[in-house]
PDB file of all heavy atoms in Angstrom:
ATOM      1  N   ARG A   1       3.475  11.196  -2.470  1.00  0.00           N
ATOM      2  CA  ARG A   1       3.560   9.880  -3.100  1.00  0.00           C
ATOM      3  C   ARG A   1       2.151   9.345  -3.371  1.00  0.00           C
ATOM      4  O   ARG A   1       1.221   9.619  -2.614  1.00  0.00           O
ATOM      5  CB  ARG A   1       4.324   8.914  -2.192  1.00  0.00           C
ATOM      6  CG  ARG A   1       4.460   7.511  -2.767  1.00  0.00           C
ATOM      7  CD  ARG A   1       5.161   6.576  -1.807  1.00  0.00           C
ATOM      8  NE  ARG A   1       5.163   5.208  -2.319  1.00  0.00           N
ATOM      9  CZ  ARG A   1       5.612   4.158  -1.647  1.00  0.00           C
ATOM     10  NH1 ARG A   1       6.094   4.321  -0.418  1.00  0.00           N
ATOM     11  NH2 ARG A   1       5.587   2.958  -2.188  1.00  0.00           N
ATOM     12  N   ARG A   2       2.022   8.578  -4.440  1.00  0.00           N
ATOM     13  CA  ARG A   2       0.732   8.015  -4.811  1.00  0.00           C
ATOM     14  C   ARG A   2       0.838   6.493  -4.970  1.00  0.00           C
ATOM     15  O   ARG A   2       1.863   5.970  -5.396  1.00  0.00           O
ATOM     16  CB  ARG A   2       0.223   8.597  -6.128  1.00  0.00           C
ATOM     17  CG  ARG A   2      -0.035  10.103  -6.121  1.00  0.00           C
ATOM     18  CD  ARG A   2      -0.402  10.563  -7.529  1.00  0.00           C
ATOM     19  NE  ARG A   2      -0.562  12.013  -7.634  1.00  0.00           N
ATOM     20  CZ  ARG A   2      -1.730  12.639  -7.704  1.00  0.00           C
ATOM     21  NH1 ARG A   2      -2.850  11.931  -7.670  1.00  0.00           N
ATOM     22  NH2 ARG A   2      -1.788  13.951  -7.815  1.00  0.00           N
ATOM     23  N   ILE A   3      -0.269   5.810  -4.623  1.00  0.00           N
ATOM     24  CA  ILE A   3      -0.454   4.392  -4.946  1.00  0.00           C
ATOM     25  C   ILE A   3      -1.805   4.278  -5.631  1.00  0.00           C
ATOM     26  O   ILE A   3      -2.801   4.841  -5.163  1.00  0.00           O
ATOM     27  CB  ILE A   3      -0.407   3.495  -3.691  1.00  0.00           C
ATOM     28  CG1 ILE A   3       1.001   3.462  -3.101  1.00  0.00           C
ATOM     29  CG2 ILE A   3      -0.860   2.080  -4.030  1.00  0.00           C
ATOM     30  CD1 ILE A   3       1.111   2.606  -1.842  1.00  0.00           C
ATOM     31  N   THR A   4      -1.851   3.544  -6.738  1.00  0.00           N
ATOM     32  CA  THR A   4      -3.095   3.393  -7.490  1.00  0.00           C
ATOM     33  C   THR A   4      -3.806   2.113  -7.087  1.00  0.00           C
ATOM     34  O   THR A   4      -3.206   1.032  -7.093  1.00  0.00           O
ATOM     35  CB  THR A   4      -2.816   3.368  -9.000  1.00  0.00           C
ATOM     36  OG1 THR A   4      -2.176   4.598  -9.377  1.00  0.00           O
ATOM     37  CG2 THR A   4      -4.108   3.207  -9.789  1.00  0.00           C
ATOM     38  N   LEU A   5      -5.076   2.240  -6.714  1.00  0.00           N
ATOM     39  CA  LEU A   5      -5.909   1.079  -6.421  1.00  0.00           C
ATOM     40  C   LEU A   5      -6.317   0.418  -7.731  1.00  0.00           C
ATOM     41  O   LEU A   5      -6.962   1.035  -8.578  1.00  0.00           O
ATOM     42  CB  LEU A   5      -7.170   1.497  -5.648  1.00  0.00           C
ATOM     43  CG  LEU A   5      -7.020   1.815  -4.166  1.00  0.00           C
ATOM     44  CD1 LEU A   5      -8.330   2.356  -3.606  1.00  0.00           C
ATOM     45  CD2 LEU A   5      -6.590   0.583  -3.393  1.00  0.00           C
ATOM     46  N   LYS A   6      -5.948  -0.851  -7.895  1.00  0.00           N
ATOM     47  CA  LYS A   6      -6.290  -1.582  -9.097  1.00  0.00           C
ATOM     48  C   LYS A   6      -6.221  -3.072  -8.808  1.00  0.00           C
ATOM     49  O   LYS A   6      -5.639  -3.506  -7.809  1.00  0.00           O
ATOM     50  CB  LYS A   6      -5.353  -1.232 -10.250  1.00  0.00           C
ATOM     51  CG  LYS A   6      -3.884  -1.528  -9.953  1.00  0.00           C
ATOM     52  CD  LYS A   6      -2.981  -1.106 -11.093  1.00  0.00           C
ATOM     53  CE  LYS A   6      -1.512  -1.400 -10.758  1.00  0.00           C
ATOM     54  NZ  LYS A   6      -0.611  -0.984 -11.854  1.00  0.00           N
ATOM     55  N   ALA A   7      -6.826  -3.868  -9.665  1.00  0.00           N
ATOM     56  CA  ALA A   7      -6.764  -5.317  -9.514  1.00  0.00           C
ATOM     57  C   ALA A   7      -5.373  -5.818  -9.931  1.00  0.00           C
ATOM     58  O   ALA A   7      -4.757  -5.255 -10.850  1.00  0.00           O
ATOM     59  CB  ALA A   7      -7.848  -5.979 -10.361  1.00  0.00           C
ATOM     60  N   PRO A   8      -4.838  -6.840  -9.246  1.00  0.00           N
ATOM     61  CA  PRO A   8      -5.439  -7.528  -8.096  1.00  0.00           C
ATOM     62  C   PRO A   8      -5.284  -6.719  -6.818  1.00  0.00           C
ATOM     63  O   PRO A   8      -4.188  -6.235  -6.506  1.00  0.00           O
ATOM     64  CB  PRO A   8      -4.657  -8.843  -8.020  1.00  0.00           C
ATOM     65  CG  PRO A   8      -3.322  -8.524  -8.618  1.00  0.00           C
ATOM     66  CD  PRO A   8      -3.571  -7.487  -9.676  1.00  0.00           C
ATOM     67  N   LEU A   9      -6.378  -6.546  -6.100  1.00  0.00           N
ATOM     68  CA  LEU A   9      -6.384  -5.688  -4.923  1.00  0.00           C
ATOM     69  C   LEU A   9      -5.461  -6.198  -3.832  1.00  0.00           C
ATOM     70  O   LEU A   9      -4.884  -5.403  -3.076  1.00  0.00           O
ATOM     71  CB  LEU A   9      -7.814  -5.579  -4.393  1.00  0.00           C
ATOM     72  CG  LEU A   9      -8.068  -4.506  -3.334  1.00  0.00           C
ATOM     73  CD1 LEU A   9      -7.686  -3.135  -3.843  1.00  0.00           C
ATOM     74  CD2 LEU A   9      -9.533  -4.526  -2.903  1.00  0.00           C
ATOM     75  N   ALA A  10      -5.287  -7.515  -3.731  1.00  0.00           N
ATOM     76  CA  ALA A  10      -4.432  -8.068  -2.680  1.00  0.00           C
ATOM     77  C   ALA A  10      -3.010  -7.546  -2.790  1.00  0.00           C
ATOM     78  O   ALA A  10      -2.343  -7.278  -1.773  1.00  0.00           O
ATOM     79  CB  ALA A  10      -4.443  -9.599  -2.754  1.00  0.00           C
ATOM     80  N   GLN A  11      -2.530  -7.370  -4.004  1.00  0.00           N
ATOM     81  CA  GLN A  11      -1.178  -6.866  -4.204  1.00  0.00           C
ATOM     82  C   GLN A  11      -1.046  -5.433  -3.706  1.00  0.00           C
ATOM     83  O   GLN A  11      -0.046  -5.063  -3.072  1.00  0.00           O
ATOM     84  CB  GLN A  11      -0.821  -6.947  -5.694  1.00  0.00           C
ATOM     85  CG  GLN A  11       0.590  -6.521  -6.032  1.00  0.00           C
ATOM     86  CD  GLN A  11       0.899  -6.731  -7.509  1.00  0.00           C
ATOM     87  OE1 GLN A  11       0.335  -7.606  -8.150  1.00  0.00           O
ATOM     88  NE2 GLN A  11       1.789  -5.911  -8.044  1.00  0.00           N
ATOM     89  N   VAL A  12      -2.047  -4.601  -3.971  1.00  0.00           N
ATOM     90  CA  VAL A  12      -2.043  -3.216  -3.496  1.00  0.00           C
ATOM     91  C   VAL A  12      -2.111  -3.180  -1.974  1.00  0.00           C
ATOM     92  O   VAL A  12      -1.424  -2.379  -1.321  1.00  0.00           O
ATOM     93  CB  VAL A  12      -3.220  -2.435  -4.110  1.00  0.00           C
ATOM     94  CG1 VAL A  12      -3.251  -1.001  -3.597  1.00  0.00           C
ATOM     95  CG2 VAL A  12      -3.137  -2.460  -5.629  1.00  0.00           C
ATOM     96  N   MET A  13      -2.941  -4.060  -1.390  1.00  0.00           N
ATOM     97  CA  MET A  13      -3.064  -4.111   0.068  1.00  0.00           C
ATOM     98  C   MET A  13      -1.736  -4.503   0.709  1.00  0.00           C
ATOM     99  O   MET A  13      -1.342  -3.964   1.750  1.00  0.00           O
ATOM    100  CB  MET A  13      -4.164  -5.094   0.446  1.00  0.00           C
ATOM    101  CG  MET A  13      -5.545  -4.716  -0.037  1.00  0.00           C
ATOM    102  SD  MET A  13      -6.316  -3.428   0.934  1.00  0.00           S
ATOM    103  CE  MET A  13      -6.903  -4.390   2.321  1.00  0.00           C
ATOM    104  N   ASP A  14      -1.033  -5.436   0.096  1.00  0.00           N
ATOM    105  CA  ASP A  14       0.281  -5.833   0.625  1.00  0.00           C
ATOM    106  C   ASP A  14       1.243  -4.649   0.625  1.00  0.00           C
ATOM    107  O   ASP A  14       1.967  -4.417   1.608  1.00  0.00           O
ATOM    108  CB  ASP A  14       0.870  -6.968  -0.220  1.00  0.00           C
ATOM    109  CG  ASP A  14       0.130  -8.288  -0.042  1.00  0.00           C
ATOM    110  OD1 ASP A  14      -0.593  -8.420   0.968  1.00  0.00           O
ATOM    111  OD2 ASP A  14       0.260  -9.169  -0.912  1.00  0.00           O
ATOM    112  N   GLU A  15       1.266  -3.913  -0.473  1.00  0.00           N
ATOM    113  CA  GLU A  15       2.155  -2.764  -0.581  1.00  0.00           C
ATOM    114  C   GLU A  15       1.804  -1.695   0.438  1.00  0.00           C
ATOM    115  O   GLU A  15       2.695  -1.133   1.112  1.00  0.00           O
ATOM    116  CB  GLU A  15       2.089  -2.180  -1.997  1.00  0.00           C
ATOM    117  CG  GLU A  15       3.007  -0.987  -2.211  1.00  0.00           C
ATOM    118  CD  GLU A  15       2.885  -0.405  -3.615  1.00  0.00           C
ATOM    119  OE1 GLU A  15       2.067  -0.929  -4.408  1.00  0.00           O
ATOM    120  OE2 GLU A  15       3.599   0.577  -3.904  1.00  0.00           O
ATOM    121  N   LEU A  16       0.506  -1.416   0.575  1.00  0.00           N
ATOM    122  CA  LEU A  16       0.075  -0.389   1.524  1.00  0.00           C
ATOM    123  C   LEU A  16       0.405  -0.795   2.953  1.00  0.00           C
ATOM    124  O   LEU A  16       0.900   0.018   3.741  1.00  0.00           O
ATOM    125  CB  LEU A  16      -1.428  -0.150   1.370  1.00  0.00           C
ATOM    126  CG  LEU A  16      -2.065   0.871   2.316  1.00  0.00           C
ATOM    127  CD1 LEU A  16      -1.387   2.231   2.191  1.00  0.00           C
ATOM    128  CD2 LEU A  16      -3.554   0.984   2.042  1.00  0.00           C
ATOM    129  N   GLU A  17       0.149  -2.049   3.300  1.00  0.00           N
ATOM    130  CA  GLU A  17       0.457  -2.508   4.661  1.00  0.00           C
ATOM    131  C   GLU A  17       1.945  -2.397   4.953  1.00  0.00           C
ATOM    132  O   GLU A  17       2.347  -1.975   6.048  1.00  0.00           O
ATOM    133  CB  GLU A  17      -0.008  -3.950   4.836  1.00  0.00           C
ATOM    134  CG  GLU A  17       0.245  -4.506   6.231  1.00  0.00           C
ATOM    135  CD  GLU A  17      -0.234  -5.933   6.382  1.00  0.00           C
ATOM    136  OE1 GLU A  17      -0.407  -6.627   5.366  1.00  0.00           O
ATOM    137  OE2 GLU A  17      -0.427  -6.364   7.545  1.00  0.00           O
ATOM    138  N   GLN A  18       2.787  -2.756   3.981  1.00  0.00           N
ATOM    139  CA  GLN A  18       4.228  -2.681   4.183  1.00  0.00           C
ATOM    140  C   GLN A  18       4.669  -1.247   4.421  1.00  0.00           C
ATOM    141  O   GLN A  18       5.483  -0.958   5.316  1.00  0.00           O
ATOM    142  CB  GLN A  18       4.951  -3.251   2.962  1.00  0.00           C
ATOM    143  CG  GLN A  18       6.435  -3.509   3.163  1.00  0.00           C
ATOM    144  CD  GLN A  18       6.700  -4.620   4.155  1.00  0.00           C
ATOM    145  OE1 GLN A  18       6.004  -5.627   4.155  1.00  0.00           O
ATOM    146  NE2 GLN A  18       7.677  -4.431   5.019  1.00  0.00           N
ATOM    147  N   VAL A  19       4.130  -0.306   3.644  1.00  0.00           N
ATOM    148  CA  VAL A  19       4.492   1.101   3.784  1.00  0.00           C
ATOM    149  C   VAL A  19       4.065   1.642   5.141  1.00  0.00           C
ATOM    150  O   VAL A  19       4.829   2.334   5.836  1.00  0.00           O
ATOM    151  CB  VAL A  19       3.867   1.927   2.650  1.00  0.00           C
ATOM    152  CG1 VAL A  19       4.031   3.421   2.921  1.00  0.00           C
ATOM    153  CG2 VAL A  19       4.489   1.567   1.309  1.00  0.00           C
ATOM    154  N   VAL A  20       2.835   1.324   5.545  1.00  0.00           N
ATOM    155  CA  VAL A  20       2.309   1.840   6.808  1.00  0.00           C
ATOM    156  C   VAL A  20       3.093   1.290   7.991  1.00  0.00           C
ATOM    157  O   VAL A  20       3.458   2.020   8.924  1.00  0.00           O
ATOM    158  CB  VAL A  20       0.809   1.503   6.940  1.00  0.00           C
ATOM    159  CG1 VAL A  20       0.302   1.828   8.340  1.00  0.00           C
ATOM    160  CG2 VAL A  20       0.006   2.268   5.896  1.00  0.00           C
ATOM    161  N   VAL A  21       3.374  -0.005   7.983  1.00  0.00           N
ATOM    162  CA  VAL A  21       4.068  -0.640   9.102  1.00  0.00           C
ATOM    163  C   VAL A  21       5.519  -0.182   9.186  1.00  0.00           C
ATOM    164  O   VAL A  21       6.040   0.107  10.268  1.00  0.00           O
ATOM    165  CB  VAL A  21       3.985  -2.175   8.982  1.00  0.00           C
ATOM    166  CG1 VAL A  21       4.869  -2.849  10.020  1.00  0.00           C
ATOM    167  CG2 VAL A  21       2.547  -2.638   9.145  1.00  0.00           C
ATOM    168  N   ASP A  22       6.188  -0.064   8.032  1.00  0.00           N
ATOM    169  CA  ASP A  22       7.621   0.254   8.040  1.00  0.00           C
ATOM    170  C   ASP A  22       7.905   1.733   8.242  1.00  0.00           C
ATOM    171  O   ASP A  22       8.864   2.102   8.933  1.00  0.00           O
ATOM    172  CB  ASP A  22       8.261  -0.203   6.721  1.00  0.00           C
ATOM    173  CG  ASP A  22       8.322  -1.710   6.594  1.00  0.00           C
ATOM    174  OD1 ASP A  22       8.067  -2.387   7.618  1.00  0.00           O
ATOM    175  OD2 ASP A  22       8.620  -2.210   5.499  1.00  0.00           O
ATOM    176  N   HIS A  23       7.077   2.589   7.621  1.00  0.00           N
ATOM    177  CA  HIS A  23       7.407   4.017   7.600  1.00  0.00           C
ATOM    178  C   HIS A  23       6.402   4.890   8.330  1.00  0.00           C
ATOM    179  O   HIS A  23       6.732   6.006   8.719  1.00  0.00           O
ATOM    180  CB  HIS A  23       7.545   4.497   6.148  1.00  0.00           C
ATOM    181  CG  HIS A  23       8.523   3.689   5.347  1.00  0.00           C
ATOM    182  ND1 HIS A  23       9.883   3.719   5.574  1.00  0.00           N
ATOM    183  CD2 HIS A  23       8.326   2.814   4.329  1.00  0.00           C
ATOM    184  CE1 HIS A  23      10.498   2.899   4.722  1.00  0.00           C
ATOM    185  NE2 HIS A  23       9.569   2.340   3.954  1.00  0.00           N
ATOM    186  N   GLY A  24       5.185   4.425   8.476  1.00  0.00           N
ATOM    187  CA  GLY A  24       4.175   5.178   9.216  1.00  0.00           C
ATOM    188  C   GLY A  24       3.859   6.542   8.658  1.00  0.00           C
ATOM    189  O   GLY A  24       3.753   7.516   9.419  1.00  0.00           O
ATOM    190  N   PRO A  25       3.695   6.712   7.328  1.00  0.00           N
ATOM    191  CA  PRO A  25       3.345   8.027   6.801  1.00  0.00           C
ATOM    192  C   PRO A  25       1.885   8.356   7.082  1.00  0.00           C
ATOM    193  O   PRO A  25       1.095   7.501   7.459  1.00  0.00           O
ATOM    194  CB  PRO A  25       3.591   7.863   5.298  1.00  0.00           C
ATOM    195  CG  PRO A  25       3.283   6.420   5.048  1.00  0.00           C
ATOM    196  CD  PRO A  25       3.754   5.691   6.270  1.00  0.00           C
ATOM    197  N   ARG A  26       1.542   9.628   6.875  1.00  0.00           N
ATOM    198  CA  ARG A  26       0.144  10.015   6.948  1.00  0.00           C
ATOM    199  C   ARG A  26      -0.508   9.613   5.620  1.00  0.00           C
ATOM    200  O   ARG A  26      -0.117  10.080   4.558  1.00  0.00           O
ATOM    201  CB  ARG A  26       0.019  11.516   7.194  1.00  0.00           C
ATOM    202  CG  ARG A  26       0.551  11.953   8.555  1.00  0.00           C
ATOM    203  CD  ARG A  26       0.303  13.436   8.802  1.00  0.00           C
ATOM    204  NE  ARG A  26       1.110  14.278   7.926  1.00  0.00           N
ATOM    205  CZ  ARG A  26       2.347  14.689   8.211  1.00  0.00           C
ATOM    206  NH1 ARG A  26       2.916  14.314   9.346  1.00  0.00           N
ATOM    207  NH2 ARG A  26       3.018  15.441   7.362  1.00  0.00           N
TER     208      ARG A  26
END
């Protein structure tokens, strides 16, 4: 799976935090 870093960065950070906390992928 891929996530693209782009503006607004806060939105990407929210998505990444949700994925890490909920699913804990590498």
